[in-house]
Amino acid sequence: MEKLSPSSFTFEKWQAGSLATFGLETREHSITSEIGKAIIKKYAVGYCDGSDLFVRCKPETIAVMFETDTFDEFWTHLTKHEFKEVFGYD
């Protein structure tokens, strides 16, 4: 997965969707379940350290950009622990 520039993570893209778009809850048990991991890996296209963002800066998180089947993009924060559980690296 590609590391993206913080400028890619805009407020408009943050508002454009959420993990609920894929039927997931924004809770660790949903994100790190086998189904949750598979869905997140399928749609994730990039990431950036959450503390580097210009909008919705959030320390101790990783911002992950997603692209839906209709090519719409949105992003959300995952905790660093969730990110490691899903992708297997920091």
PDB file of N, CA and C in Angstrom:
ATOM      1  N   MET A   1       0.853  -1.176   0.000  1.00  0.00           N
ATOM      2  CA  MET A   1       0.000   0.000   0.000  1.00  0.00           C
ATOM      3  C   MET A   1       0.896   1.236   0.000  1.00  0.00           C
ATOM      4  N   GLU A   2       0.473   2.236  -0.704  1.00  0.00           N
ATOM      5  CA  GLU A   2       1.266   3.441  -0.902  1.00  0.00           C
ATOM      6  C   GLU A   2       1.129   4.421   0.267  1.00  0.00           C
ATOM      7  N   LYS A   3       2.275   4.998   0.676  1.00  0.00           N
ATOM      8  CA  LYS A   3       2.227   6.079   1.655  1.00  0.00           C
ATOM      9  C   LYS A   3       1.875   7.349   0.894  1.00  0.00           C
ATOM     10  N   LEU A   4       0.817   8.036   1.334  1.00  0.00           N
ATOM     11  CA  LEU A   4       0.303   9.211   0.642  1.00  0.00           C
ATOM     12  C   LEU A   4       0.708  10.494   1.352  1.00  0.00           C
ATOM     13  N   SER A   5       0.674  11.585   0.613  1.00  0.00           N
ATOM     14  CA  SER A   5       0.937  12.910   1.159  1.00  0.00           C
ATOM     15  C   SER A   5      -0.202  13.298   2.104  1.00  0.00           C
ATOM     16  N   PRO A   6       0.120  13.991   3.183  1.00  0.00           N
ATOM     17  CA  PRO A   6      -0.947  14.463   4.078  1.00  0.00           C
ATOM     18  C   PRO A   6      -1.989  15.320   3.360  1.00  0.00           C
ATOM     19  N   SER A   7      -1.593  16.002   2.283  1.00  0.00           N
ATOM     20  CA  SER A   7      -2.547  16.852   1.560  1.00  0.00           C
ATOM     21  C   SER A   7      -3.620  16.045   0.831  1.00  0.00           C
ATOM     22  N   SER A   8      -3.423  14.737   0.687  1.00  0.00           N
ATOM     23  CA  SER A   8      -4.429  13.878   0.057  1.00  0.00           C
ATOM     24  C   SER A   8      -5.643  13.666   0.959  1.00  0.00           C
ATOM     25  N   PHE A   9      -5.456  13.884   2.245  1.00  0.00           N
ATOM     26  CA  PHE A   9      -6.487  13.598   3.237  1.00  0.00           C
ATOM     27  C   PHE A   9      -7.259  14.878   3.555  1.00  0.00           C
ATOM     28  N   THR A  10      -8.218  15.177   2.709  1.00  0.00           N
ATOM     29  CA  THR A  10      -8.994  16.408   2.830  1.00  0.00           C
ATOM     30  C   THR A  10     -10.238  16.199   3.693  1.00  0.00           C
ATOM     31  N   PHE A  11     -10.805  17.311   4.136  1.00  0.00           N
ATOM     32  CA  PHE A  11     -12.032  17.251   4.925  1.00  0.00           C
ATOM     33  C   PHE A  11     -13.167  16.669   4.085  1.00  0.00           C
ATOM     34  N   GLU A  12     -13.221  17.033   2.795  1.00  0.00           N
ATOM     35  CA  GLU A  12     -14.284  16.529   1.909  1.00  0.00           C
ATOM     36  C   GLU A  12     -14.213  15.009   1.767  1.00  0.00           C
ATOM     37  N   LYS A  13     -13.011  14.480   1.654  1.00  0.00           N
ATOM     38  CA  LYS A  13     -12.861  13.019   1.545  1.00  0.00           C
ATOM     39  C   LYS A  13     -13.148  12.334   2.872  1.00  0.00           C
ATOM     40  N   TRP A  14     -12.885  13.007   3.985  1.00  0.00           N
ATOM     41  CA  TRP A  14     -13.213  12.423   5.281  1.00  0.00           C
ATOM     42  C   TRP A  14     -14.732  12.301   5.422  1.00  0.00           C
ATOM     43  N   GLN A  15     -15.458  13.303   4.937  1.00  0.00           N
ATOM     44  CA  GLN A  15     -16.921  13.304   5.013  1.00  0.00           C
ATOM     45  C   GLN A  15     -17.568  12.345   4.008  1.00  0.00           C
ATOM     46  N   ALA A  16     -16.836  11.885   3.018  1.00  0.00           N
ATOM     47  CA  ALA A  16     -17.406  11.136   1.896  1.00  0.00           C
ATOM     48  C   ALA A  16     -17.765   9.692   2.214  1.00  0.00           C
ATOM     49  N   GLY A  17     -17.381   9.189   3.363  1.00  0.00           N
ATOM     50  CA  GLY A  17     -17.696   7.805   3.688  1.00  0.00           C
ATOM     51  C   GLY A  17     -17.122   7.404   5.027  1.00  0.00           C
ATOM     52  N   SER A  18     -17.345   6.153   5.367  1.00  0.00           N
ATOM     53  CA  SER A  18     -16.816   5.614   6.622  1.00  0.00           C
ATOM     54  C   SER A  18     -16.734   4.100   6.472  1.00  0.00           C
ATOM     55  N   LEU A  19     -16.222   3.449   7.487  1.00  0.00           N
ATOM     56  CA  LEU A  19     -16.157   1.987   7.430  1.00  0.00           C
ATOM     57  C   LEU A  19     -17.552   1.360   7.322  1.00  0.00           C
ATOM     58  N   ALA A  20     -18.575   2.099   7.745  1.00  0.00           N
ATOM     59  CA  ALA A  20     -19.950   1.612   7.604  1.00  0.00           C
ATOM     60  C   ALA A  20     -20.316   1.414   6.133  1.00  0.00           C
ATOM     61  N   THR A  21     -19.620   2.123   5.230  1.00  0.00           N
ATOM     62  CA  THR A  21     -19.810   1.939   3.795  1.00  0.00           C
ATOM     63  C   THR A  21     -19.613   0.473   3.411  1.00  0.00           C
ATOM     64  N   PHE A  22     -18.714  -0.195   4.158  1.00  0.00           N
ATOM     65  CA  PHE A  22     -18.396  -1.603   3.896  1.00  0.00           C
ATOM     66  C   PHE A  22     -19.058  -2.546   4.893  1.00  0.00           C
ATOM     67  N   GLY A  23     -19.969  -2.015   5.711  1.00  0.00           N
ATOM     68  CA  GLY A  23     -20.665  -2.844   6.691  1.00  0.00           C
ATOM     69  C   GLY A  23     -19.865  -3.112   7.946  1.00  0.00           C
ATOM     70  N   LEU A  24     -18.842  -2.294   8.200  1.00  0.00           N
ATOM     71  CA  LEU A  24     -18.006  -2.478   9.389  1.00  0.00           C
ATOM     72  C   LEU A  24     -18.303  -1.400  10.420  1.00  0.00           C
ATOM     73  N   GLU A  25     -18.134  -1.761  11.675  1.00  0.00           N
ATOM     74  CA  GLU A  25     -18.239  -0.797  12.760  1.00  0.00           C
ATOM     75  C   GLU A  25     -16.872  -0.184  12.996  1.00  0.00           C
ATOM     76  N   THR A  26     -16.840   0.998  13.564  1.00  0.00           N
ATOM     77  CA  THR A  26     -15.557   1.624  13.893  1.00  0.00           C
ATOM     78  C   THR A  26     -15.129   1.196  15.293  1.00  0.00           C
ATOM     79  N   ARG A  27     -15.059  -0.100  15.479  1.00  0.00           N
ATOM     80  CA  ARG A  27     -14.638  -0.703  16.736  1.00  0.00           C
ATOM     81  C   ARG A  27     -13.565  -1.742  16.431  1.00  0.00           C
ATOM     82  N   GLU A  28     -12.604  -1.876  17.330  1.00  0.00           N
ATOM     83  CA  GLU A  28     -11.475  -2.768  17.090  1.00  0.00           C
ATOM     84  C   GLU A  28     -11.911  -4.187  16.734  1.00  0.00           C
ATOM     85  N   HIS A  29     -12.903  -4.725  17.417  1.00  0.00           N
ATOM     86  CA  HIS A  29     -13.318  -6.106  17.137  1.00  0.00           C
ATOM     87  C   HIS A  29     -13.827  -6.266  15.711  1.00  0.00           C
ATOM     88  N   SER A  30     -14.477  -5.249  15.163  1.00  0.00           N
ATOM     89  CA  SER A  30     -14.969  -5.308  13.788  1.00  0.00           C
ATOM     90  C   SER A  30     -13.823  -5.134  12.795  1.00  0.00           C
ATOM     91  N   ILE A  31     -12.919  -4.208  13.078  1.00  0.00           N
ATOM     92  CA  ILE A  31     -11.805  -3.905  12.186  1.00  0.00           C
ATOM     93  C   ILE A  31     -10.816  -5.070  12.117  1.00  0.00           C
ATOM     94  N   THR A  32     -10.529  -5.695  13.253  1.00  0.00           N
ATOM     95  CA  THR A  32      -9.498  -6.736  13.289  1.00  0.00           C
ATOM     96  C   THR A  32     -10.044  -8.156  13.121  1.00  0.00           C
ATOM     97  N   SER A  33     -11.350  -8.291  12.913  1.00  0.00           N
ATOM     98  CA  SER A  33     -11.895  -9.617  12.617  1.00  0.00           C
ATOM     99  C   SER A  33     -11.384 -10.060  11.244  1.00  0.00           C
ATOM    100  N   GLU A  34     -11.445 -11.324  10.955  1.00  0.00           N
ATOM    101  CA  GLU A  34     -10.957 -11.817   9.655  1.00  0.00           C
ATOM    102  C   GLU A  34     -11.713 -11.159   8.498  1.00  0.00           C
ATOM    103  N   ILE A  35     -13.028 -11.012   8.655  1.00  0.00           N
ATOM    104  CA  ILE A  35     -13.829 -10.355   7.614  1.00  0.00           C
ATOM    105  C   ILE A  35     -13.445  -8.879   7.506  1.00  0.00           C
ATOM    106  N   GLY A  36     -13.307  -8.207   8.636  1.00  0.00           N
ATOM    107  CA  GLY A  36     -12.927  -6.800   8.641  1.00  0.00           C
ATOM    108  C   GLY A  36     -11.578  -6.576   7.983  1.00  0.00           C
ATOM    109  N   LYS A  37     -10.601  -7.395   8.326  1.00  0.00           N
ATOM    110  CA  LYS A  37      -9.267  -7.276   7.719  1.00  0.00           C
ATOM    111  C   LYS A  37      -9.335  -7.445   6.205  1.00  0.00           C
ATOM    112  N   ALA A  38     -10.068  -8.451   5.754  1.00  0.00           N
ATOM    113  CA  ALA A  38     -10.171  -8.716   4.312  1.00  0.00           C
ATOM    114  C   ALA A  38     -10.805  -7.542   3.576  1.00  0.00           C
ATOM    115  N   ILE A  39     -11.861  -6.984   4.142  1.00  0.00           N
ATOM    116  CA  ILE A  39     -12.536  -5.847   3.504  1.00  0.00           C
ATOM    117  C   ILE A  39     -11.625  -4.623   3.475  1.00  0.00           C
ATOM    118  N   ILE A  40     -10.976  -4.332   4.591  1.00  0.00           N
ATOM    119  CA  ILE A  40     -10.095  -3.163   4.658  1.00  0.00           C
ATOM    120  C   ILE A  40      -8.943  -3.308   3.674  1.00  0.00           C
ATOM    121  N   LYS A  41      -8.333  -4.483   3.618  1.00  0.00           N
ATOM    122  CA  LYS A  41      -7.229  -4.705   2.672  1.00  0.00           C
ATOM    123  C   LYS A  41      -7.694  -4.577   1.221  1.00  0.00           C
ATOM    124  N   LYS A  42      -8.901  -5.010   0.937  1.00  0.00           N
ATOM    125  CA  LYS A  42      -9.418  -4.958  -0.434  1.00  0.00           C
ATOM    126  C   LYS A  42      -9.585  -3.515  -0.915  1.00  0.00           C
ATOM    127  N   TYR A  43     -10.063  -2.632  -0.050  1.00  0.00           N
ATOM    128  CA  TYR A  43     -10.416  -1.283  -0.479  1.00  0.00           C
ATOM    129  C   TYR A  43      -9.393  -0.199  -0.112  1.00  0.00           C
ATOM    130  N   ALA A  44      -8.427  -0.498   0.757  1.00  0.00           N
ATOM    131  CA  ALA A  44      -7.425   0.496   1.153  1.00  0.00           C
ATOM    132  C   ALA A  44      -6.471   0.764  -0.004  1.00  0.00           C
ATOM    133  N   VAL A  45      -6.207   2.046  -0.252  1.00  0.00           N
ATOM    134  CA  VAL A  45      -5.305   2.417  -1.347  1.00  0.00           C
ATOM    135  C   VAL A  45      -4.095   3.211  -0.876  1.00  0.00           C
ATOM    136  N   GLY A  46      -4.097   3.688   0.361  1.00  0.00           N
ATOM    137  CA  GLY A  46      -2.965   4.446   0.856  1.00  0.00           C
ATOM    138  C   GLY A  46      -3.131   4.804   2.316  1.00  0.00           C
ATOM    139  N   TYR A  47      -2.056   5.338   2.882  1.00  0.00           N
ATOM    140  CA  TYR A  47      -2.085   5.685   4.295  1.00  0.00           C
ATOM    141  C   TYR A  47      -1.152   6.857   4.582  1.00  0.00           C
ATOM    142  N   CYS A  48      -1.295   7.425   5.757  1.00  0.00           N
ATOM    143  CA  CYS A  48      -0.445   8.515   6.227  1.00  0.00           C
ATOM    144  C   CYS A  48      -0.534   8.524   7.755  1.00  0.00           C
ATOM    145  N   ASP A  49       0.545   8.883   8.418  1.00  0.00           N
ATOM    146  CA  ASP A  49       0.515   8.993   9.875  1.00  0.00           C
ATOM    147  C   ASP A  49      -0.510  10.053  10.266  1.00  0.00           C
ATOM    148  N   GLY A  50      -1.391   9.705  11.179  1.00  0.00           N
ATOM    149  CA  GLY A  50      -2.466  10.608  11.588  1.00  0.00           C
ATOM    150  C   GLY A  50      -1.993  11.911  12.198  1.00  0.00           C
ATOM    151  N   SER A  51      -0.788  11.924  12.763  1.00  0.00           N
ATOM    152  CA  SER A  51      -0.282  13.161  13.363  1.00  0.00           C
ATOM    153  C   SER A  51       0.282  14.122  12.317  1.00  0.00           C
ATOM    154  N   ASP A  52       0.428  13.665  11.062  1.00  0.00           N
ATOM    155  CA  ASP A  52       0.948  14.518   9.984  1.00  0.00           C
ATOM    156  C   ASP A  52      -0.146  15.223   9.186  1.00  0.00           C
ATOM    157  N   LEU A  53      -1.400  14.913   9.457  1.00  0.00           N
ATOM    158  CA  LEU A  53      -2.496  15.453   8.657  1.00  0.00           C
ATOM    159  C   LEU A  53      -2.713  16.943   8.891  1.00  0.00           C
ATOM    160  N   PHE A  54      -3.222  17.618   7.862  1.00  0.00           N
ATOM    161  CA  PHE A  54      -3.575  19.035   7.966  1.00  0.00           C
ATOM    162  C   PHE A  54      -4.985  19.207   8.524  1.00  0.00           C
ATOM    163  N   VAL A  55      -5.864  18.249   8.276  1.00  0.00           N
ATOM    164  CA  VAL A  55      -7.230  18.268   8.816  1.00  0.00           C
ATOM    165  C   VAL A  55      -7.443  17.003   9.644  1.00  0.00           C
ATOM    166  N   ARG A  56      -8.161  17.153  10.734  1.00  0.00           N
ATOM    167  CA  ARG A  56      -8.460  16.040  11.634  1.00  0.00           C
ATOM    168  C   ARG A  56      -7.199  15.301  12.070  1.00  0.00           C
ATOM    169  N   CYS A  57      -6.188  16.071  12.387  1.00  0.00           N
ATOM    170  CA  CYS A  57      -4.925  15.526  12.885  1.00  0.00           C
ATOM    171  C   CYS A  57      -5.210  14.736  14.164  1.00  0.00           C
ATOM    172  N   LYS A  58      -4.696  13.512  14.222  1.00  0.00           N
ATOM    173  CA  LYS A  58      -4.985  12.665  15.373  1.00  0.00           C
ATOM    174  C   LYS A  58      -3.745  11.828  15.695  1.00  0.00           C
ATOM    175  N   PRO A  59      -3.026  12.170  16.763  1.00  0.00           N
ATOM    176  CA  PRO A  59      -1.844  11.397  17.140  1.00  0.00           C
ATOM    177  C   PRO A  59      -2.187   9.942  17.458  1.00  0.00           C
ATOM    178  N   GLU A  60      -1.199   9.080  17.325  1.00  0.00           N
ATOM    179  CA  GLU A  60      -1.325   7.645  17.627  1.00  0.00           C
ATOM    180  C   GLU A  60      -2.304   6.924  16.705  1.00  0.00           C
ATOM    181  N   THR A  61      -2.523   7.491  15.507  1.00  0.00           N
ATOM    182  CA  THR A  61      -3.383   6.839  14.522  1.00  0.00           C
ATOM    183  C   THR A  61      -2.686   6.822  13.167  1.00  0.00           C
ATOM    184  N   ILE A  62      -3.243   6.033  12.282  1.00  0.00           N
ATOM    185  CA  ILE A  62      -2.853   6.018  10.876  1.00  0.00           C
ATOM    186  C   ILE A  62      -4.113   6.339  10.087  1.00  0.00           C
ATOM    187  N   ALA A  63      -4.030   7.328   9.215  1.00  0.00           N
ATOM    188  CA  ALA A  63      -5.152   7.659   8.332  1.00  0.00           C
ATOM    189  C   ALA A  63      -5.063   6.726   7.124  1.00  0.00           C
ATOM    190  N   VAL A  64      -6.160   6.075   6.797  1.00  0.00           N
ATOM    191  CA  VAL A  64      -6.189   5.135   5.680  1.00  0.00           C
ATOM    192  C   VAL A  64      -7.194   5.619   4.649  1.00  0.00           C
ATOM    193  N   MET A  65      -6.735   5.708   3.398  1.00  0.00           N
ATOM    194  CA  MET A  65      -7.586   6.122   2.278  1.00  0.00           C
ATOM    195  C   MET A  65      -8.183   4.872   1.639  1.00  0.00           C
ATOM    196  N   PHE A  66      -9.462   4.946   1.330  1.00  0.00           N
ATOM    197  CA  PHE A  66     -10.178   3.839   0.699  1.00  0.00           C
ATOM    198  C   PHE A  66     -10.764   4.288  -0.627  1.00  0.00           C
ATOM    199  N   GLU A  67     -10.889   3.354  -1.542  1.00  0.00           N
ATOM    200  CA  GLU A  67     -11.573   3.597  -2.805  1.00  0.00           C
ATOM    201  C   GLU A  67     -12.670   2.548  -2.931  1.00  0.00           C
ATOM    202  N   THR A  68     -13.895   3.000  -3.139  1.00  0.00           N
ATOM    203  CA  THR A  68     -15.035   2.092  -3.237  1.00  0.00           C
ATOM    204  C   THR A  68     -15.130   1.498  -4.639  1.00  0.00           C
ATOM    205  N   ASP A  69     -16.050   0.585  -4.826  1.00  0.00           N
ATOM    206  CA  ASP A  69     -16.269  -0.026  -6.144  1.00  0.00           C
ATOM    207  C   ASP A  69     -16.674   1.004  -7.192  1.00  0.00           C
ATOM    208  N   THR A  70     -17.221   2.130  -6.757  1.00  0.00           N
ATOM    209  CA  THR A  70     -17.620   3.191  -7.693  1.00  0.00           C
ATOM    210  C   THR A  70     -16.541   4.268  -7.820  1.00  0.00           C
ATOM    211  N   PHE A  71     -15.356   3.973  -7.324  1.00  0.00           N
ATOM    212  CA  PHE A  71     -14.176   4.841  -7.412  1.00  0.00           C
ATOM    213  C   PHE A  71     -14.271   6.110  -6.569  1.00  0.00           C
ATOM    214  N   ASP A  72     -15.198   6.136  -5.626  1.00  0.00           N
ATOM    215  CA  ASP A  72     -15.252   7.242  -4.670  1.00  0.00           C
ATOM    216  C   ASP A  72     -14.176   7.004  -3.611  1.00  0.00           C
ATOM    217  N   GLU A  73     -13.570   8.079  -3.141  1.00  0.00           N
ATOM    218  CA  GLU A  73     -12.549   7.963  -2.107  1.00  0.00           C
ATOM    219  C   GLU A  73     -13.037   8.578  -0.803  1.00  0.00           C
ATOM    220  N   PHE A  74     -12.658   7.929   0.284  1.00  0.00           N
ATOM    221  CA  PHE A  74     -12.854   8.489   1.616  1.00  0.00           C
ATOM    222  C   PHE A  74     -11.741   7.959   2.502  1.00  0.00           C
ATOM    223  N   TRP A  75     -11.593   8.564   3.657  1.00  0.00           N
ATOM    224  CA  TRP A  75     -10.573   8.089   4.587  1.00  0.00           C
ATOM    225  C   TRP A  75     -11.089   8.124   6.008  1.00  0.00           C
ATOM    226  N   THR A  76     -10.414   7.362   6.839  1.00  0.00           N
ATOM    227  CA  THR A  76     -10.715   7.345   8.260  1.00  0.00           C
ATOM    228  C   THR A  76      -9.442   7.023   9.029  1.00  0.00           C
ATOM    229  N   HIS A  77      -9.505   7.212  10.327  1.00  0.00           N
ATOM    230  CA  HIS A  77      -8.365   6.869  11.180  1.00  0.00           C
ATOM    231  C   HIS A  77      -8.499   5.432  11.683  1.00  0.00           C
ATOM    232  N   LEU A  78      -7.392   4.734  11.734  1.00  0.00           N
ATOM    233  CA  LEU A  78      -7.283   3.485  12.475  1.00  0.00           C
ATOM    234  C   LEU A  78      -6.254   3.725  13.568  1.00  0.00           C
ATOM    235  N   THR A  79      -6.427   3.102  14.720  1.00  0.00           N
ATOM    236  CA  THR A  79      -5.368   3.210  15.719  1.00  0.00           C
ATOM    237  C   THR A  79      -4.139   2.505  15.163  1.00  0.00           C
ATOM    238  N   LYS A  80      -2.982   2.839  15.701  1.00  0.00           N
ATOM    239  CA  LYS A  80      -1.763   2.183  15.237  1.00  0.00           C
ATOM    240  C   LYS A  80      -1.835   0.678  15.479  1.00  0.00           C
ATOM    241  N   HIS A  81      -2.461   0.281  16.565  1.00  0.00           N
ATOM    242  CA  HIS A  81      -2.634  -1.147  16.852  1.00  0.00           C
ATOM    243  C   HIS A  81      -3.533  -1.812  15.811  1.00  0.00           C
ATOM    244  N   GLU A  82      -4.653  -1.186  15.478  1.00  0.00           N
ATOM    245  CA  GLU A  82      -5.549  -1.739  14.457  1.00  0.00           C
ATOM    246  C   GLU A  82      -4.835  -1.850  13.114  1.00  0.00           C
ATOM    247  N   PHE A  83      -4.091  -0.800  12.745  1.00  0.00           N
ATOM    248  CA  PHE A  83      -3.364  -0.801  11.476  1.00  0.00           C
ATOM    249  C   PHE A  83      -2.385  -1.973  11.424  1.00  0.00           C
ATOM    250  N   LYS A  84      -1.649  -2.173  12.495  1.00  0.00           N
ATOM    251  CA  LYS A  84      -0.689  -3.288  12.540  1.00  0.00           C
ATOM    252  C   LYS A  84      -1.401  -4.633  12.474  1.00  0.00           C
ATOM    253  N   GLU A  85      -2.519  -4.763  13.156  1.00  0.00           N
ATOM    254  CA  GLU A  85      -3.293  -6.017  13.118  1.00  0.00           C
ATOM    255  C   GLU A  85      -3.793  -6.329  11.713  1.00  0.00           C
ATOM    256  N   VAL A  86      -4.231  -5.302  10.992  1.00  0.00           N
ATOM    257  CA  VAL A  86      -4.782  -5.493   9.654  1.00  0.00           C
ATOM    258  C   VAL A  86      -3.691  -5.714   8.611  1.00  0.00           C
ATOM    259  N   PHE A  87      -2.667  -4.866   8.630  1.00  0.00           N
ATOM    260  CA  PHE A  87      -1.674  -4.879   7.561  1.00  0.00           C
ATOM    261  C   PHE A  87      -0.372  -5.591   7.918  1.00  0.00           C
ATOM    262  N   GLY A  88      -0.163  -5.853   9.201  1.00  0.00           N
ATOM    263  CA  GLY A  88       1.012  -6.607   9.622  1.00  0.00           C
ATOM    264  C   GLY A  88       2.291  -5.800   9.720  1.00  0.00           C
ATOM    265  N   TYR A  89       2.200  -4.479   9.612  1.00  0.00           N
ATOM    266  CA  TYR A  89       3.390  -3.632   9.770  1.00  0.00           C
ATOM    267  C   TYR A  89       2.999  -2.303  10.391  1.00  0.00           C
ATOM    268  N   ASP A  90       3.990  -1.604  10.926  1.00  0.00           N
ATOM    269  CA  ASP A  90       3.747  -0.295  11.570  1.00  0.00           C
ATOM    270  C   ASP A  90       3.778   0.807  10.552  1.00  0.00           C
TER     271      ASP A  90
END
